[in-house]
Amino acid sequence: MDIDKIINSYQSKVNAADAAPEKVAQEKDKTLDKIKNASALSGLFDNIRTAYDMVSDSVTGKYKGVAKSTLALLAGGLAYLALPLDLVPDFIPVAGWVDDAAVLAWIFKRCADEFQKYKDFKSSGV
């Protein structure tokens, strides 16, 4: 869900004539949770896309600024996400996805500097 839609929904509920203070507080908490979750997922998906693009551009020779160890880490992380062989199988609700997200978050944290260099490279139009 788009963050602007979440905020507008919250504002319309707050502006309702029958909004009691406790109801407004509950809606605020729900809205903040939705925004936090949407932002976290958005960042994760952005990093997945950046990782995929960086690996792809490195393999095709368009980008040569990444270390081979970083490429191996990213390729391994993307494979871990895509392959069904996990520490916690994906068919287990929530837990199966959480381990994928945790592994990717760790990898992406280690590659943050490389991601920034790659984004700078892409934005330079080279």
N, C-alpha and C. Protein backbone atom coordinates (compact mmCIF):
# COMPACT_ATOMS: atom_id res chain seq x y z
N MET A 1 0.85 -1.18 0.00
CA MET A 1 0.00 0.00 0.00
C MET A 1 0.89 1.24 0.00
N ASP A 2 0.49 2.25 -0.72
CA ASP A 2 1.23 3.49 -0.84
C ASP A 2 1.16 4.27 0.48
N ILE A 3 2.27 4.83 0.90
CA ILE A 3 2.33 5.54 2.18
C ILE A 3 1.40 6.74 2.17
N ASP A 4 1.30 7.45 1.07
CA ASP A 4 0.39 8.60 1.00
C ASP A 4 -1.06 8.16 1.22
N LYS A 5 -1.44 7.02 0.67
CA LYS A 5 -2.80 6.51 0.88
C LYS A 5 -3.03 6.16 2.34
N ILE A 6 -2.02 5.58 2.99
CA ILE A 6 -2.13 5.24 4.41
C ILE A 6 -2.35 6.50 5.23
N ILE A 7 -1.55 7.53 4.96
CA ILE A 7 -1.65 8.78 5.72
C ILE A 7 -2.99 9.45 5.46
N ASN A 8 -3.43 9.49 4.20
CA ASN A 8 -4.72 10.10 3.88
C ASN A 8 -5.87 9.37 4.56
N SER A 9 -5.79 8.05 4.61
CA SER A 9 -6.82 7.26 5.28
C SER A 9 -6.87 7.61 6.77
N TYR A 10 -5.70 7.72 7.36
CA TYR A 10 -5.63 8.09 8.78
C TYR A 10 -6.22 9.48 9.01
N GLN A 11 -5.85 10.43 8.16
CA GLN A 11 -6.34 11.80 8.32
C GLN A 11 -7.85 11.87 8.18
N SER A 12 -8.41 11.11 7.26
CA SER A 12 -9.87 11.14 7.10
C SER A 12 -10.57 10.55 8.31
N LYS A 13 -9.97 9.53 8.91
CA LYS A 13 -10.57 8.95 10.11
C LYS A 13 -10.47 9.90 11.29
N VAL A 14 -9.36 10.63 11.40
CA VAL A 14 -9.19 11.59 12.48
C VAL A 14 -10.17 12.76 12.32
N ASN A 15 -10.40 13.18 11.09
CA ASN A 15 -11.27 14.32 10.83
C ASN A 15 -12.76 13.98 10.92
N ALA A 16 -13.06 12.70 11.05
CA ALA A 16 -14.47 12.30 11.16
C ALA A 16 -15.09 12.93 12.41
N ALA A 17 -16.33 13.34 12.30
CA ALA A 17 -17.01 14.05 13.39
C ALA A 17 -17.13 13.20 14.65
N ASP A 18 -17.26 11.90 14.50
CA ASP A 18 -17.48 11.05 15.67
C ASP A 18 -16.19 10.42 16.20
N ALA A 19 -15.04 10.95 15.83
CA ALA A 19 -13.77 10.38 16.26
C ALA A 19 -13.52 10.69 17.73
N ALA A 20 -13.56 9.67 18.55
CA ALA A 20 -13.24 9.80 19.97
C ALA A 20 -11.72 9.81 20.13
N PRO A 21 -11.20 10.48 21.17
CA PRO A 21 -9.74 10.55 21.35
C PRO A 21 -9.05 9.18 21.40
N GLU A 22 -9.68 8.21 22.06
CA GLU A 22 -9.04 6.89 22.14
C GLU A 22 -9.03 6.18 20.78
N LYS A 23 -10.08 6.44 19.98
CA LYS A 23 -10.12 5.85 18.65
C LYS A 23 -9.05 6.49 17.76
N VAL A 24 -8.84 7.78 17.89
CA VAL A 24 -7.81 8.47 17.13
C VAL A 24 -6.44 7.91 17.49
N ALA A 25 -6.20 7.67 18.78
CA ALA A 25 -4.91 7.13 19.22
C ALA A 25 -4.69 5.73 18.65
N GLN A 26 -5.75 4.91 18.62
CA GLN A 26 -5.64 3.56 18.06
C GLN A 26 -5.33 3.63 16.56
N GLU A 27 -6.03 4.51 15.86
CA GLU A 27 -5.79 4.65 14.42
C GLU A 27 -4.36 5.14 14.14
N LYS A 28 -3.87 6.04 15.00
CA LYS A 28 -2.50 6.53 14.84
C LYS A 28 -1.51 5.38 14.96
N ASP A 29 -1.68 4.54 15.97
CA ASP A 29 -0.78 3.41 16.17
C ASP A 29 -0.83 2.44 14.99
N LYS A 30 -2.05 2.14 14.51
CA LYS A 30 -2.19 1.25 13.36
C LYS A 30 -1.52 1.84 12.12
N THR A 31 -1.72 3.13 11.90
CA THR A 31 -1.15 3.80 10.74
C THR A 31 0.36 3.81 10.80
N LEU A 32 0.92 4.10 11.96
CA LEU A 32 2.38 4.11 12.10
C LEU A 32 2.96 2.72 11.84
N ASP A 33 2.27 1.68 12.30
CA ASP A 33 2.73 0.32 12.03
C ASP A 33 2.71 0.02 10.54
N LYS A 34 1.65 0.44 9.84
CA LYS A 34 1.56 0.22 8.40
C LYS A 34 2.68 0.94 7.66
N ILE A 35 2.95 2.18 8.06
CA ILE A 35 4.00 2.95 7.41
C ILE A 35 5.35 2.29 7.65
N LYS A 36 5.59 1.86 8.87
CA LYS A 36 6.86 1.20 9.19
C LYS A 36 7.02 -0.06 8.36
N ASN A 37 5.97 -0.86 8.27
CA ASN A 37 6.05 -2.09 7.51
C ASN A 37 6.21 -1.82 6.02
N ALA A 38 5.49 -0.86 5.51
CA ALA A 38 5.61 -0.53 4.08
C ALA A 38 7.01 -0.01 3.77
N SER A 39 7.56 0.81 4.64
CA SER A 39 8.89 1.35 4.41
C SER A 39 9.95 0.26 4.46
N ALA A 40 9.82 -0.67 5.42
CA ALA A 40 10.80 -1.75 5.55
C ALA A 40 10.76 -2.63 4.31
N LEU A 41 9.59 -3.00 3.87
CA LEU A 41 9.49 -3.84 2.68
C LEU A 41 9.96 -3.11 1.44
N SER A 42 9.64 -1.84 1.37
CA SER A 42 10.07 -1.06 0.23
C SER A 42 11.60 -1.03 0.14
N GLY A 43 12.25 -0.82 1.28
CA GLY A 43 13.71 -0.81 1.31
C GLY A 43 14.29 -2.16 0.93
N LEU A 44 13.66 -3.23 1.39
CA LEU A 44 14.13 -4.57 1.07
C LEU A 44 14.01 -4.84 -0.43
N PHE A 45 12.87 -4.49 -1.00
CA PHE A 45 12.66 -4.70 -2.43
C PHE A 45 13.61 -3.84 -3.27
N ASP A 46 13.86 -2.61 -2.82
CA ASP A 46 14.82 -1.76 -3.52
C ASP A 46 16.21 -2.38 -3.51
N ASN A 47 16.60 -2.93 -2.36
CA ASN A 47 17.92 -3.57 -2.26
C ASN A 47 18.01 -4.83 -3.11
N ILE A 48 16.93 -5.60 -3.16
CA ILE A 48 16.92 -6.79 -4.01
C ILE A 48 17.11 -6.38 -5.46
N ARG A 49 16.40 -5.35 -5.88
CA ARG A 49 16.50 -4.87 -7.26
C ARG A 49 17.91 -4.36 -7.56
N THR A 50 18.48 -3.59 -6.61
CA THR A 50 19.83 -3.07 -6.79
C THR A 50 20.84 -4.21 -6.88
N ALA A 51 20.68 -5.21 -6.00
CA ALA A 51 21.59 -6.36 -6.01
C ALA A 51 21.51 -7.08 -7.35
N TYR A 52 20.30 -7.34 -7.81
CA TYR A 52 20.12 -8.03 -9.09
C TYR A 52 20.76 -7.23 -10.23
N ASP A 53 20.48 -5.93 -10.26
CA ASP A 53 21.04 -5.09 -11.33
C ASP A 53 22.56 -5.04 -11.26
N MET A 54 23.11 -4.94 -10.05
CA MET A 54 24.55 -4.85 -9.90
C MET A 54 25.23 -6.14 -10.34
N VAL A 55 24.69 -7.28 -9.95
CA VAL A 55 25.24 -8.56 -10.37
C VAL A 55 25.12 -8.70 -11.89
N SER A 56 23.96 -8.37 -12.42
CA SER A 56 23.74 -8.47 -13.86
C SER A 56 24.70 -7.59 -14.64
N ASP A 57 24.83 -6.33 -14.23
CA ASP A 57 25.73 -5.41 -14.93
C ASP A 57 27.19 -5.82 -14.77
N SER A 58 27.54 -6.43 -13.65
CA SER A 58 28.91 -6.90 -13.46
C SER A 58 29.22 -8.09 -14.36
N VAL A 59 28.27 -8.99 -14.47
CA VAL A 59 28.47 -10.18 -15.30
C VAL A 59 28.56 -9.80 -16.78
N THR A 60 27.75 -8.84 -17.20
CA THR A 60 27.76 -8.43 -18.60
C THR A 60 28.89 -7.45 -18.93
N GLY A 61 29.60 -6.98 -17.91
CA GLY A 61 30.72 -6.08 -18.13
C GLY A 61 30.38 -4.61 -18.15
N LYS A 62 29.12 -4.26 -17.89
CA LYS A 62 28.72 -2.85 -17.88
C LYS A 62 29.26 -2.12 -16.64
N TYR A 63 29.46 -2.87 -15.55
CA TYR A 63 29.95 -2.29 -14.30
C TYR A 63 31.10 -3.13 -13.80
N LYS A 64 32.24 -2.50 -13.59
CA LYS A 64 33.42 -3.25 -13.17
C LYS A 64 33.91 -2.83 -11.78
N GLY A 65 33.13 -2.05 -11.05
CA GLY A 65 33.59 -1.50 -9.78
C GLY A 65 33.27 -2.32 -8.56
N VAL A 66 32.87 -3.57 -8.71
CA VAL A 66 32.49 -4.36 -7.54
C VAL A 66 33.49 -5.50 -7.35
N ALA A 67 33.81 -5.76 -6.08
CA ALA A 67 34.75 -6.83 -5.74
C ALA A 67 34.11 -8.19 -6.00
N LYS A 68 34.93 -9.14 -6.35
CA LYS A 68 34.43 -10.50 -6.61
C LYS A 68 33.80 -11.11 -5.36
N SER A 69 34.33 -10.78 -4.19
CA SER A 69 33.75 -11.31 -2.95
C SER A 69 32.34 -10.76 -2.73
N THR A 70 32.13 -9.50 -3.09
CA THR A 70 30.79 -8.91 -2.98
C THR A 70 29.84 -9.55 -3.98
N LEU A 71 30.32 -9.79 -5.19
CA LEU A 71 29.48 -10.47 -6.18
C LEU A 71 29.07 -11.86 -5.70
N ALA A 72 30.01 -12.58 -5.12
CA ALA A 72 29.72 -13.92 -4.62
C ALA A 72 28.69 -13.85 -3.48
N LEU A 73 28.84 -12.88 -2.59
CA LEU A 73 27.91 -12.72 -1.49
C LEU A 73 26.51 -12.40 -2.00
N LEU A 74 26.42 -11.47 -2.95
CA LEU A 74 25.11 -11.09 -3.52
C LEU A 74 24.49 -12.24 -4.31
N ALA A 75 25.28 -12.91 -5.11
CA ALA A 75 24.75 -14.03 -5.89
C ALA A 75 24.25 -15.13 -4.94
N GLY A 76 25.00 -15.38 -3.90
CA GLY A 76 24.57 -16.37 -2.91
C GLY A 76 23.28 -15.95 -2.21
N GLY A 77 23.17 -14.68 -1.88
CA GLY A 77 21.96 -14.18 -1.23
C GLY A 77 20.74 -14.26 -2.13
N LEU A 78 20.92 -13.89 -3.39
CA LEU A 78 19.81 -13.97 -4.33
C LEU A 78 19.42 -15.42 -4.58
N ALA A 79 20.40 -16.31 -4.63
CA ALA A 79 20.10 -17.73 -4.79
C ALA A 79 19.37 -18.26 -3.56
N TYR A 80 19.80 -17.83 -2.37
CA TYR A 80 19.13 -18.26 -1.14
C TYR A 80 17.67 -17.83 -1.16
N LEU A 81 17.41 -16.64 -1.66
CA LEU A 81 16.04 -16.14 -1.75
C LEU A 81 15.22 -16.96 -2.76
N ALA A 82 15.83 -17.29 -3.88
CA ALA A 82 15.09 -17.95 -4.96
C ALA A 82 14.94 -19.45 -4.79
N LEU A 83 15.92 -20.10 -4.20
CA LEU A 83 15.90 -21.55 -4.09
C LEU A 83 15.07 -22.02 -2.90
N PRO A 84 14.45 -23.17 -3.00
CA PRO A 84 13.61 -23.66 -1.91
C PRO A 84 14.41 -24.21 -0.72
N LEU A 85 15.71 -24.41 -0.87
CA LEU A 85 16.54 -24.95 0.20
C LEU A 85 16.91 -23.83 1.16
N ASP A 86 16.32 -23.81 2.35
CA ASP A 86 16.53 -22.76 3.35
C ASP A 86 16.77 -23.38 4.71
N LEU A 87 17.23 -22.53 5.64
CA LEU A 87 17.31 -22.97 7.03
C LEU A 87 15.92 -23.29 7.57
N VAL A 88 14.98 -22.40 7.26
CA VAL A 88 13.57 -22.61 7.61
C VAL A 88 12.81 -22.64 6.29
N PRO A 89 12.18 -23.77 5.96
CA PRO A 89 11.50 -23.87 4.66
C PRO A 89 10.42 -22.80 4.49
N ASP A 90 10.27 -22.32 3.26
CA ASP A 90 9.33 -21.24 2.97
C ASP A 90 7.87 -21.64 3.15
N PHE A 91 7.56 -22.93 3.15
CA PHE A 91 6.17 -23.33 3.32
C PHE A 91 5.69 -23.16 4.77
N ILE A 92 6.60 -22.90 5.70
CA ILE A 92 6.21 -22.61 7.08
C ILE A 92 5.83 -21.13 7.13
N PRO A 93 4.56 -20.83 7.44
CA PRO A 93 4.11 -19.44 7.40
C PRO A 93 4.96 -18.51 8.26
N VAL A 94 5.23 -17.37 7.77
CA VAL A 94 5.97 -16.27 8.37
C VAL A 94 7.43 -16.64 8.65
N ALA A 95 7.70 -17.67 9.42
CA ALA A 95 9.06 -18.03 9.77
C ALA A 95 9.90 -18.34 8.53
N GLY A 96 9.30 -18.95 7.56
CA GLY A 96 10.01 -19.27 6.33
C GLY A 96 10.44 -18.04 5.56
N TRP A 97 9.67 -16.98 5.67
CA TRP A 97 10.01 -15.74 4.99
C TRP A 97 10.94 -14.88 5.83
N VAL A 98 10.79 -14.98 7.15
CA VAL A 98 11.61 -14.16 8.03
C VAL A 98 13.08 -14.55 7.91
N ASP A 99 13.37 -15.84 7.79
CA ASP A 99 14.78 -16.22 7.67
C ASP A 99 15.37 -15.71 6.36
N ASP A 100 14.58 -15.72 5.28
CA ASP A 100 15.05 -15.16 4.01
C ASP A 100 15.35 -13.66 4.17
N ALA A 101 14.43 -12.96 4.80
CA ALA A 101 14.60 -11.52 4.99
C ALA A 101 15.80 -11.22 5.89
N ALA A 102 16.01 -12.03 6.92
CA ALA A 102 17.14 -11.81 7.83
C ALA A 102 18.47 -12.03 7.11
N VAL A 103 18.55 -13.09 6.31
CA VAL A 103 19.78 -13.35 5.56
C VAL A 103 20.04 -12.21 4.58
N LEU A 104 19.00 -11.80 3.87
CA LEU A 104 19.17 -10.71 2.90
C LEU A 104 19.54 -9.40 3.59
N ALA A 105 18.92 -9.11 4.73
CA ALA A 105 19.22 -7.88 5.45
C ALA A 105 20.69 -7.86 5.87
N TRP A 106 21.19 -9.00 6.34
CA TRP A 106 22.60 -9.09 6.74
C TRP A 106 23.52 -8.87 5.53
N ILE A 107 23.20 -9.51 4.43
CA ILE A 107 24.01 -9.35 3.22
C ILE A 107 23.95 -7.91 2.73
N PHE A 108 22.76 -7.33 2.70
CA PHE A 108 22.62 -5.97 2.20
C PHE A 108 23.32 -4.97 3.10
N LYS A 109 23.35 -5.22 4.38
CA LYS A 109 24.07 -4.33 5.30
C LYS A 109 25.57 -4.38 5.00
N ARG A 110 26.07 -5.57 4.73
CA ARG A 110 27.49 -5.72 4.40
C ARG A 110 27.83 -5.09 3.06
N CYS A 111 26.87 -4.99 2.17
CA CYS A 111 27.10 -4.46 0.82
C CYS A 111 26.64 -3.01 0.66
N ALA A 112 26.29 -2.34 1.73
CA ALA A 112 25.72 -1.00 1.63
C ALA A 112 26.63 -0.03 0.89
N ASP A 113 27.94 -0.08 1.18
CA ASP A 113 28.87 0.83 0.50
C ASP A 113 28.94 0.53 -1.00
N GLU A 114 28.95 -0.77 -1.33
CA GLU A 114 28.97 -1.16 -2.74
C GLU A 114 27.70 -0.72 -3.46
N PHE A 115 26.56 -0.83 -2.77
CA PHE A 115 25.29 -0.39 -3.35
C PHE A 115 25.34 1.09 -3.66
N GLN A 116 25.89 1.88 -2.73
CA GLN A 116 25.95 3.32 -2.95
C GLN A 116 26.85 3.65 -4.13
N LYS A 117 27.99 2.97 -4.24
CA LYS A 117 28.88 3.19 -5.38
C LYS A 117 28.17 2.84 -6.69
N TYR A 118 27.42 1.73 -6.67
CA TYR A 118 26.71 1.32 -7.88
C TYR A 118 25.61 2.32 -8.23
N LYS A 119 24.88 2.80 -7.23
CA LYS A 119 23.82 3.79 -7.50
C LYS A 119 24.42 5.08 -8.05
N ASP A 120 25.58 5.48 -7.52
CA ASP A 120 26.26 6.67 -8.05
C ASP A 120 26.67 6.45 -9.50
N PHE A 121 27.17 5.25 -9.79
CA PHE A 121 27.54 4.89 -11.16
C PHE A 121 26.33 4.97 -12.08
N LYS A 122 25.20 4.39 -11.66
CA LYS A 122 23.98 4.39 -12.49
C LYS A 122 23.46 5.81 -12.69
N SER A 123 23.53 6.63 -11.66
CA SER A 123 22.99 7.98 -11.78
C SER A 123 23.89 8.89 -12.63
N SER A 124 25.16 8.49 -12.76
CA SER A 124 26.06 9.30 -13.58
C SER A 124 25.79 9.12 -15.08
N GLY A 125 25.00 8.07 -15.41
CA GLY A 125 24.62 7.86 -16.80
C GLY A 125 25.70 7.21 -17.64
N VAL A 126 26.67 6.62 -17.00
CA VAL A 126 27.77 5.98 -17.74
C VAL A 126 27.31 4.67 -18.33
